[in-house]
PDB file of N, CA and C in Angstrom:
ATOM      1  N   UNK A   1     -19.251  72.966  -1.749  1.00  0.00           N
ATOM      2  CA  UNK A   1     -17.759  73.400  -2.089  1.00  0.00           C
ATOM      3  C   UNK A   1     -16.914  72.083  -1.826  1.00  0.00           C
ATOM      4  N   UNK A   2     -16.139  72.094  -3.081  1.00  0.00           N
ATOM      5  CA  UNK A   2     -15.153  71.019  -3.070  1.00  0.00           C
ATOM      6  C   UNK A   2     -13.990  71.417  -2.224  1.00  0.00           C
ATOM      7  N   UNK A   3     -13.415  70.230  -1.606  1.00  0.00           N
ATOM      8  CA  UNK A   3     -12.244  70.468  -0.726  1.00  0.00           C
ATOM      9  C   UNK A   3     -10.943  69.693  -1.405  1.00  0.00           C
ATOM     10  N   UNK A   4      -9.839  70.242  -1.044  1.00  0.00           N
ATOM     11  CA  UNK A   4      -8.625  69.665  -1.530  1.00  0.00           C
ATOM     12  C   UNK A   4      -8.382  68.504  -0.509  1.00  0.00           C
ATOM     13  N   UNK A   5      -7.550  67.551  -1.156  1.00  0.00           N
ATOM     14  CA  UNK A   5      -7.246  66.347  -0.544  1.00  0.00           C
ATOM     15  C   UNK A   5      -6.215  66.884   0.541  1.00  0.00           C
ATOM     16  N   UNK A   6      -5.430  67.712   0.218  1.00  0.00           N
ATOM     17  CA  UNK A   6      -4.472  68.215   1.336  1.00  0.00           C
ATOM     18  C   UNK A   6      -5.038  68.885   2.529  1.00  0.00           C
ATOM     19  N   UNK A   7      -6.103  69.386   2.179  1.00  0.00           N
ATOM     20  CA  UNK A   7      -6.834  70.073   3.443  1.00  0.00           C
ATOM     21  C   UNK A   7      -7.292  68.980   4.237  1.00  0.00           C
ATOM     22  N   UNK A   8      -7.651  67.938   3.959  1.00  0.00           N
ATOM     23  CA  UNK A   8      -8.224  67.001   4.763  1.00  0.00           C
ATOM     24  C   UNK A   8      -7.006  66.110   5.601  1.00  0.00           C
ATOM     25  N   UNK A   9      -5.883  66.186   5.218  1.00  0.00           N
ATOM     26  CA  UNK A   9      -4.734  65.548   5.816  1.00  0.00           C
ATOM     27  C   UNK A   9      -4.593  65.871   7.403  1.00  0.00           C
ATOM     28  N   UNK A  10      -4.371  64.881   8.203  1.00  0.00           N
ATOM     29  CA  UNK A  10      -4.249  65.303   9.611  1.00  0.00           C
ATOM     30  C   UNK A  10      -2.778  65.022  10.059  1.00  0.00           C
ATOM     31  N   UNK A  11      -1.969  66.026   9.555  1.00  0.00           N
ATOM     32  CA  UNK A  11      -0.568  65.658  10.010  1.00  0.00           C
ATOM     33  C   UNK A  11      -0.248  65.661  11.462  1.00  0.00           C
ATOM     34  N   UNK A  12      -0.752  66.521  12.219  1.00  0.00           N
ATOM     35  CA  UNK A  12      -0.658  66.468  13.691  1.00  0.00           C
ATOM     36  C   UNK A  12      -1.037  65.210  14.405  1.00  0.00           C
ATOM     37  N   UNK A  13      -2.002  64.497  14.040  1.00  0.00           N
ATOM     38  CA  UNK A  13      -2.303  63.317  14.633  1.00  0.00           C
ATOM     39  C   UNK A  13      -1.486  61.965  14.100  1.00  0.00           C
ATOM     40  N   UNK A  14      -0.911  62.109  12.914  1.00  0.00           N
ATOM     41  CA  UNK A  14      -0.263  61.021  12.269  1.00  0.00           C
ATOM     42  C   UNK A  14       1.177  61.022  12.698  1.00  0.00           C
ATOM     43  N   UNK A  15       1.857  62.261  13.123  1.00  0.00           N
ATOM     44  CA  UNK A  15       3.066  62.313  13.470  1.00  0.00           C
ATOM     45  C   UNK A  15       4.161  62.579  12.474  1.00  0.00           C
ATOM     46  N   UNK A  16       5.221  62.822  12.872  1.00  0.00           N
ATOM     47  CA  UNK A  16       6.251  63.536  11.923  1.00  0.00           C
ATOM     48  C   UNK A  16       7.735  62.789  12.352  1.00  0.00           C
ATOM     49  N   UNK A  17       8.580  62.897  11.413  1.00  0.00           N
ATOM     50  CA  UNK A  17      10.107  62.362  11.581  1.00  0.00           C
ATOM     51  C   UNK A  17      10.986  63.172  10.844  1.00  0.00           C
ATOM     52  N   UNK A  18      11.922  63.749  11.858  1.00  0.00           N
ATOM     53  CA  UNK A  18      12.940  64.693  11.500  1.00  0.00           C
ATOM     54  C   UNK A  18      14.245  63.904  10.861  1.00  0.00           C
ATOM     55  N   UNK A  19      14.536  64.404   9.624  1.00  0.00           N
ATOM     56  CA  UNK A  19      15.606  63.673   8.745  1.00  0.00           C
ATOM     57  C   UNK A  19      16.674  64.805   8.664  1.00  0.00           C
ATOM     58  N   UNK A  20      17.855  64.376   9.133  1.00  0.00           N
ATOM     59  CA  UNK A  20      19.229  65.088   8.853  1.00  0.00           C
ATOM     60  C   UNK A  20      20.026  64.336   7.738  1.00  0.00           C
ATOM     61  N   UNK A  21      21.052  64.999   7.688  1.00  0.00           N
ATOM     62  CA  UNK A  21      22.208  64.516   6.590  1.00  0.00           C
ATOM     63  C   UNK A  21      22.286  62.987   6.720  1.00  0.00           C
ATOM     64  N   UNK A  22      22.062  62.250   5.640  1.00  0.00           N
ATOM     65  CA  UNK A  22      22.229  60.760   5.463  1.00  0.00           C
ATOM     66  C   UNK A  22      21.146  59.934   5.939  1.00  0.00           C
ATOM     67  N   UNK A  23      19.962  60.552   6.394  1.00  0.00           N
ATOM     68  CA  UNK A  23      18.772  59.742   6.831  1.00  0.00           C
ATOM     69  C   UNK A  23      17.729  59.392   5.812  1.00  0.00           C
ATOM     70  N   UNK A  24      17.175  58.408   5.997  1.00  0.00           N
ATOM     71  CA  UNK A  24      16.061  57.886   5.035  1.00  0.00           C
ATOM     72  C   UNK A  24      14.889  57.501   5.682  1.00  0.00           C
ATOM     73  N   UNK A  25      13.598  57.748   5.101  1.00  0.00           N
ATOM     74  CA  UNK A  25      12.375  57.518   5.607  1.00  0.00           C
ATOM     75  C   UNK A  25      11.472  56.895   4.610  1.00  0.00           C
ATOM     76  N   UNK A  26      10.910  55.849   4.921  1.00  0.00           N
ATOM     77  CA  UNK A  26      10.039  55.095   4.033  1.00  0.00           C
ATOM     78  C   UNK A  26       8.783  55.104   4.676  1.00  0.00           C
ATOM     79  N   UNK A  27       7.622  54.977   3.802  1.00  0.00           N
ATOM     80  CA  UNK A  27       6.280  54.743   4.468  1.00  0.00           C
ATOM     81  C   UNK A  27       5.229  55.886   3.744  1.00  0.00           C
ATOM     82  N   UNK A  28       4.104  56.233   4.465  1.00  0.00           N
ATOM     83  CA  UNK A  28       3.234  57.258   3.941  1.00  0.00           C
ATOM     84  C   UNK A  28       3.379  58.629   4.288  1.00  0.00           C
ATOM     85  N   UNK A  29       4.074  59.496   3.585  1.00  0.00           N
ATOM     86  CA  UNK A  29       4.389  60.659   3.799  1.00  0.00           C
ATOM     87  C   UNK A  29       3.549  61.740   3.018  1.00  0.00           C
ATOM     88  N   UNK A  30       2.859  62.624   3.643  1.00  0.00           N
ATOM     89  CA  UNK A  30       1.961  63.465   3.050  1.00  0.00           C
ATOM     90  C   UNK A  30       2.607  64.906   2.675  1.00  0.00           C
ATOM     91  N   UNK A  31       3.728  65.187   3.392  1.00  0.00           N
ATOM     92  CA  UNK A  31       4.414  66.545   3.128  1.00  0.00           C
ATOM     93  C   UNK A  31       5.874  66.402   3.715  1.00  0.00           C
ATOM     94  N   UNK A  32       6.749  67.146   3.025  1.00  0.00           N
ATOM     95  CA  UNK A  32       8.168  67.168   3.357  1.00  0.00           C
ATOM     96  C   UNK A  32       8.341  68.678   3.677  1.00  0.00           C
ATOM     97  N   UNK A  33       8.797  69.139   4.665  1.00  0.00           N
ATOM     98  CA  UNK A  33       9.057  70.398   5.097  1.00  0.00           C
ATOM     99  C   UNK A  33      10.430  70.625   5.304  1.00  0.00           C
ATOM    100  N   UNK A  34      11.009  71.490   4.529  1.00  0.00           N
ATOM    101  CA  UNK A  34      12.600  71.841   4.520  1.00  0.00           C
ATOM    102  C   UNK A  34      12.756  72.604   5.582  1.00  0.00           C
ATOM    103  N   UNK A  35      13.607  72.474   6.546  1.00  0.00           N
ATOM    104  CA  UNK A  35      13.934  73.280   7.585  1.00  0.00           C
ATOM    105  C   UNK A  35      15.188  74.143   7.396  1.00  0.00           C
ATOM    106  N   UNK A  36      16.279  73.438   6.852  1.00  0.00           N
ATOM    107  CA  UNK A  36      17.418  74.139   6.500  1.00  0.00           C
ATOM    108  C   UNK A  36      17.655  73.566   4.968  1.00  0.00           C
ATOM    109  N   UNK A  37      18.340  74.620   4.247  1.00  0.00           N
ATOM    110  CA  UNK A  37      18.506  74.227   2.674  1.00  0.00           C
ATOM    111  C   UNK A  37      18.936  72.730   2.721  1.00  0.00           C
ATOM    112  N   UNK A  38      18.118  71.985   1.832  1.00  0.00           N
ATOM    113  CA  UNK A  38      18.284  70.497   1.893  1.00  0.00           C
ATOM    114  C   UNK A  38      18.362  69.987   0.478  1.00  0.00           C
ATOM    115  N   UNK A  39      19.350  69.025   0.288  1.00  0.00           N
ATOM    116  CA  UNK A  39      19.497  68.231  -1.202  1.00  0.00           C
ATOM    117  C   UNK A  39      19.059  66.825  -0.816  1.00  0.00           C
ATOM    118  N   UNK A  40      18.023  66.399  -1.576  1.00  0.00           N
ATOM    119  CA  UNK A  40      17.549  65.015  -1.470  1.00  0.00           C
ATOM    120  C   UNK A  40      18.023  64.122  -2.359  1.00  0.00           C
ATOM    121  N   UNK A  41      18.520  62.869  -2.113  1.00  0.00           N
ATOM    122  CA  UNK A  41      18.953  61.813  -2.774  1.00  0.00           C
ATOM    123  C   UNK A  41      17.747  60.926  -3.429  1.00  0.00           C
ATOM    124  N   UNK A  42      16.706  60.935  -2.792  1.00  0.00           N
ATOM    125  CA  UNK A  42      15.554  60.158  -3.230  1.00  0.00           C
ATOM    126  C   UNK A  42      14.374  60.887  -2.577  1.00  0.00           C
ATOM    127  N   UNK A  43      13.338  61.276  -3.481  1.00  0.00           N
ATOM    128  CA  UNK A  43      12.209  61.844  -3.136  1.00  0.00           C
ATOM    129  C   UNK A  43      11.020  61.351  -4.112  1.00  0.00           C
ATOM    130  N   UNK A  44      10.616  60.030  -3.642  1.00  0.00           N
ATOM    131  CA  UNK A  44       9.826  59.233  -4.545  1.00  0.00           C
ATOM    132  C   UNK A  44       8.183  59.320  -4.114  1.00  0.00           C
ATOM    133  N   UNK A  45       7.574  59.764  -5.259  1.00  0.00           N
ATOM    134  CA  UNK A  45       6.092  59.929  -5.107  1.00  0.00           C
ATOM    135  C   UNK A  45       5.502  59.615  -6.337  1.00  0.00           C
ATOM    136  N   UNK A  46       4.421  58.883  -6.320  1.00  0.00           N
ATOM    137  CA  UNK A  46       3.588  58.330  -7.548  1.00  0.00           C
ATOM    138  C   UNK A  46       2.920  59.658  -8.143  1.00  0.00           C
ATOM    139  N   UNK A  47       2.559  60.481  -7.355  1.00  0.00           N
ATOM    140  CA  UNK A  47       1.747  61.588  -7.852  1.00  0.00           C
ATOM    141  C   UNK A  47       2.420  63.036  -8.043  1.00  0.00           C
ATOM    142  N   UNK A  48       3.819  63.025  -8.112  1.00  0.00           N
ATOM    143  CA  UNK A  48       4.513  64.245  -8.272  1.00  0.00           C
ATOM    144  C   UNK A  48       5.383  63.994  -9.464  1.00  0.00           C
ATOM    145  N   UNK A  49       5.037  64.921 -10.450  1.00  0.00           N
ATOM    146  CA  UNK A  49       5.554  64.751 -11.792  1.00  0.00           C
ATOM    147  C   UNK A  49       6.857  65.647 -11.895  1.00  0.00           C
ATOM    148  N   UNK A  50       7.943  64.767 -11.775  1.00  0.00           N
ATOM    149  CA  UNK A  50       9.300  65.625 -11.988  1.00  0.00           C
ATOM    150  C   UNK A  50       9.950  65.380 -13.431  1.00  0.00           C
ATOM    151  N   UNK A  51       9.033  65.252 -14.419  1.00  0.00           N
ATOM    152  CA  UNK A  51       9.558  65.220 -15.739  1.00  0.00           C
ATOM    153  C   UNK A  51      10.193  66.457 -16.272  1.00  0.00           C
ATOM    154  N   UNK A  52       9.783  67.612 -15.895  1.00  0.00           N
ATOM    155  CA  UNK A  52      10.506  68.722 -16.338  1.00  0.00           C
ATOM    156  C   UNK A  52      11.528  69.285 -15.537  1.00  0.00           C
ATOM    157  N   UNK A  53      11.521  68.963 -14.051  1.00  0.00           N
ATOM    158  CA  UNK A  53      12.709  69.271 -13.100  1.00  0.00           C
ATOM    159  C   UNK A  53      12.749  68.500 -12.151  1.00  0.00           C
ATOM    160  N   UNK A  54      13.581  67.459 -12.069  1.00  0.00           N
ATOM    161  CA  UNK A  54      13.851  66.634 -10.846  1.00  0.00           C
ATOM    162  C   UNK A  54      14.002  67.358  -9.567  1.00  0.00           C
ATOM    163  N   UNK A  55      13.424  67.137  -8.309  1.00  0.00           N
ATOM    164  CA  UNK A  55      13.729  67.557  -7.219  1.00  0.00           C
ATOM    165  C   UNK A  55      14.925  67.043  -6.481  1.00  0.00           C
ATOM    166  N   UNK A  56      15.425  66.036  -6.932  1.00  0.00           N
ATOM    167  CA  UNK A  56      16.634  65.452  -6.336  1.00  0.00           C
ATOM    168  C   UNK A  56      18.020  66.009  -6.796  1.00  0.00           C
ATOM    169  N   UNK A  57      19.066  65.969  -6.110  1.00  0.00           N
ATOM    170  CA  UNK A  57      20.255  66.430  -6.476  1.00  0.00           C
ATOM    171  C   UNK A  57      20.467  67.948  -6.421  1.00  0.00           C
ATOM    172  N   UNK A  58      19.410  68.764  -6.188  1.00  0.00           N
ATOM    173  CA  UNK A  58      19.589  70.211  -6.176  1.00  0.00           C
ATOM    174  C   UNK A  58      19.181  70.588  -4.740  1.00  0.00           C
ATOM    175  N   UNK A  59      19.706  71.863  -4.381  1.00  0.00           N
ATOM    176  CA  UNK A  59      19.259  72.386  -3.281  1.00  0.00           C
ATOM    177  C   UNK A  59      17.984  73.055  -3.013  1.00  0.00           C
ATOM    178  N   UNK A  60      17.120  72.592  -2.067  1.00  0.00           N
ATOM    179  CA  UNK A  60      15.679  73.124  -1.899  1.00  0.00           C
ATOM    180  C   UNK A  60      15.846  74.012  -0.693  1.00  0.00           C
ATOM    181  N   UNK A  61      15.441  75.177  -1.049  1.00  0.00           N
ATOM    182  CA  UNK A  61      15.614  76.292   0.063  1.00  0.00           C
ATOM    183  C   UNK A  61      14.733  76.026   1.339  1.00  0.00           C
ATOM    184  N   UNK A  62      15.273  76.386   2.585  1.00  0.00           N
ATOM    185  CA  UNK A  62      14.501  76.298   3.795  1.00  0.00           C
ATOM    186  C   UNK A  62      13.154  77.109   3.694  1.00  0.00           C
ATOM    187  N   UNK A  63      12.255  76.451   4.446  1.00  0.00           N
ATOM    188  CA  UNK A  63      10.898  77.220   4.279  1.00  0.00           C
ATOM    189  C   UNK A  63       9.880  76.491   3.269  1.00  0.00           C
ATOM    190  N   UNK A  64      10.391  75.667   2.265  1.00  0.00           N
ATOM    191  CA  UNK A  64       9.696  75.099   1.271  1.00  0.00           C
ATOM    192  C   UNK A  64       8.895  73.888   1.860  1.00  0.00           C
ATOM    193  N   UNK A  65       7.701  73.675   1.555  1.00  0.00           N
ATOM    194  CA  UNK A  65       6.867  72.469   1.890  1.00  0.00           C
ATOM    195  C   UNK A  65       6.525  71.859   0.693  1.00  0.00           C
ATOM    196  N   UNK A  66       6.927  70.528   0.490  1.00  0.00           N
ATOM    197  CA  UNK A  66       6.413  69.693  -0.688  1.00  0.00           C
ATOM    198  C   UNK A  66       5.309  68.816  -0.301  1.00  0.00           C
ATOM    199  N   UNK A  67       4.227  68.999  -1.046  1.00  0.00           N
ATOM    200  CA  UNK A  67       2.981  68.130  -0.581  1.00  0.00           C
ATOM    201  C   UNK A  67       2.959  67.043  -1.658  1.00  0.00           C
ATOM    202  N   UNK A  68       2.525  65.842  -1.341  1.00  0.00           N
ATOM    203  CA  UNK A  68       2.343  64.752  -2.223  1.00  0.00           C
ATOM    204  C   UNK A  68       2.114  63.494  -1.465  1.00  0.00           C
ATOM    205  N   UNK A  69       2.163  62.318  -2.132  1.00  0.00           N
ATOM    206  CA  UNK A  69       1.932  61.155  -1.500  1.00  0.00           C
ATOM    207  C   UNK A  69       3.386  60.436  -1.722  1.00  0.00           C
ATOM    208  N   UNK A  70       4.336  60.760  -0.794  1.00  0.00           N
ATOM    209  CA  UNK A  70       5.743  60.389  -0.932  1.00  0.00           C
ATOM    210  C   UNK A  70       5.929  59.003  -0.199  1.00  0.00           C
ATOM    211  N   UNK A  71       6.643  58.054  -0.794  1.00  0.00           N
ATOM    212  CA  UNK A  71       6.899  56.791  -0.234  1.00  0.00           C
ATOM    213  C   UNK A  71       8.289  56.626   0.331  1.00  0.00           C
ATOM    214  N   UNK A  72       9.296  57.309  -0.300  1.00  0.00           N
ATOM    215  CA  UNK A  72      10.725  57.283   0.360  1.00  0.00           C
ATOM    216  C   UNK A  72      11.354  58.686   0.284  1.00  0.00           C
ATOM    217  N   UNK A  73      12.100  59.002   1.250  1.00  0.00           N
ATOM    218  CA  UNK A  73      12.794  60.286   1.147  1.00  0.00           C
ATOM    219  C   UNK A  73      14.136  59.914   1.861  1.00  0.00           C
ATOM    220  N   UNK A  74      15.160  60.654   1.208  1.00  0.00           N
ATOM    221  CA  UNK A  74      16.539  60.460   1.554  1.00  0.00           C
ATOM    222  C   UNK A  74      17.134  61.792   1.647  1.00  0.00           C
ATOM    223  N   UNK A  75      17.774  62.249   2.639  1.00  0.00           N
ATOM    224  CA  UNK A  75      18.217  63.541   2.896  1.00  0.00           C
ATOM    225  C   UNK A  75      19.822  63.353   2.655  1.00  0.00           C
ATOM    226  N   UNK A  76      20.393  63.974   1.586  1.00  0.00           N
ATOM    227  CA  UNK A  76      21.846  63.972   1.361  1.00  0.00           C
ATOM    228  C   UNK A  76      22.529  64.955   2.270  1.00  0.00           C
ATOM    229  N   UNK A  77      21.976  66.183   2.234  1.00  0.00           N
ATOM    230  CA  UNK A  77      22.481  67.197   3.195  1.00  0.00           C
ATOM    231  C   UNK A  77      21.479  68.076   3.570  1.00  0.00           C
ATOM    232  N   UNK A  78      21.351  68.616   4.867  1.00  0.00           N
ATOM    233  CA  UNK A  78      20.360  69.520   5.234  1.00  0.00           C
ATOM    234  C   UNK A  78      19.535  69.074   6.325  1.00  0.00           C
ATOM    235  N   UNK A  79      18.347  69.468   6.632  1.00  0.00           N
ATOM    236  CA  UNK A  79      17.358  68.995   7.665  1.00  0.00           C
ATOM    237  C   UNK A  79      15.874  69.077   7.083  1.00  0.00           C
ATOM    238  N   UNK A  80      15.118  68.038   7.035  1.00  0.00           N
ATOM    239  CA  UNK A  80      13.769  68.159   6.674  1.00  0.00           C
ATOM    240  C   UNK A  80      12.840  67.399   7.622  1.00  0.00           C
ATOM    241  N   UNK A  81      11.570  67.779   7.713  1.00  0.00           N
ATOM    242  CA  UNK A  81      10.624  66.941   8.497  1.00  0.00           C
ATOM    243  C   UNK A  81       9.644  66.283   7.531  1.00  0.00           C
ATOM    244  N   UNK A  82       9.426  65.065   7.832  1.00  0.00           N
ATOM    245  CA  UNK A  82       8.500  64.336   6.959  1.00  0.00           C
ATOM    246  C   UNK A  82       7.355  64.009   7.776  1.00  0.00           C
ATOM    247  N   UNK A  83       6.166  64.504   7.359  1.00  0.00           N
ATOM    248  CA  UNK A  83       4.909  64.556   7.982  1.00  0.00           C
ATOM    249  C   UNK A  83       4.010  63.480   7.557  1.00  0.00           C
ATOM    250  N   UNK A  84       3.670  62.427   8.213  1.00  0.00           N
ATOM    251  CA  UNK A  84       2.993  61.197   7.846  1.00  0.00           C
ATOM    252  C   UNK A  84       1.541  61.461   7.869  1.00  0.00           C
ATOM    253  N   UNK A  85       0.798  60.638   7.021  1.00  0.00           N
ATOM    254  CA  UNK A  85      -0.655  60.774   6.967  1.00  0.00           C
ATOM    255  C   UNK A  85      -1.258  59.350   7.045  1.00  0.00           C
TER     256      UNK A  85
END
């Protein structure tokens, strides 16, 4: 049986960083969990295609989890948790 790459990520052992308004995080980020409605200024990932709808500059609702291989995240307003891998 094939397994998803996301199923093999061990977020709990890699750690997390909480980002509030104005905070920036760089590094290896496997998921971004939105705790409060959040607007991102930067959400950079090589494997996330934003050509049809950018994820920056719009309000992402609380409860959303974005999966990818993020390298840079900037919160303009709101609260999000970056889970490292």
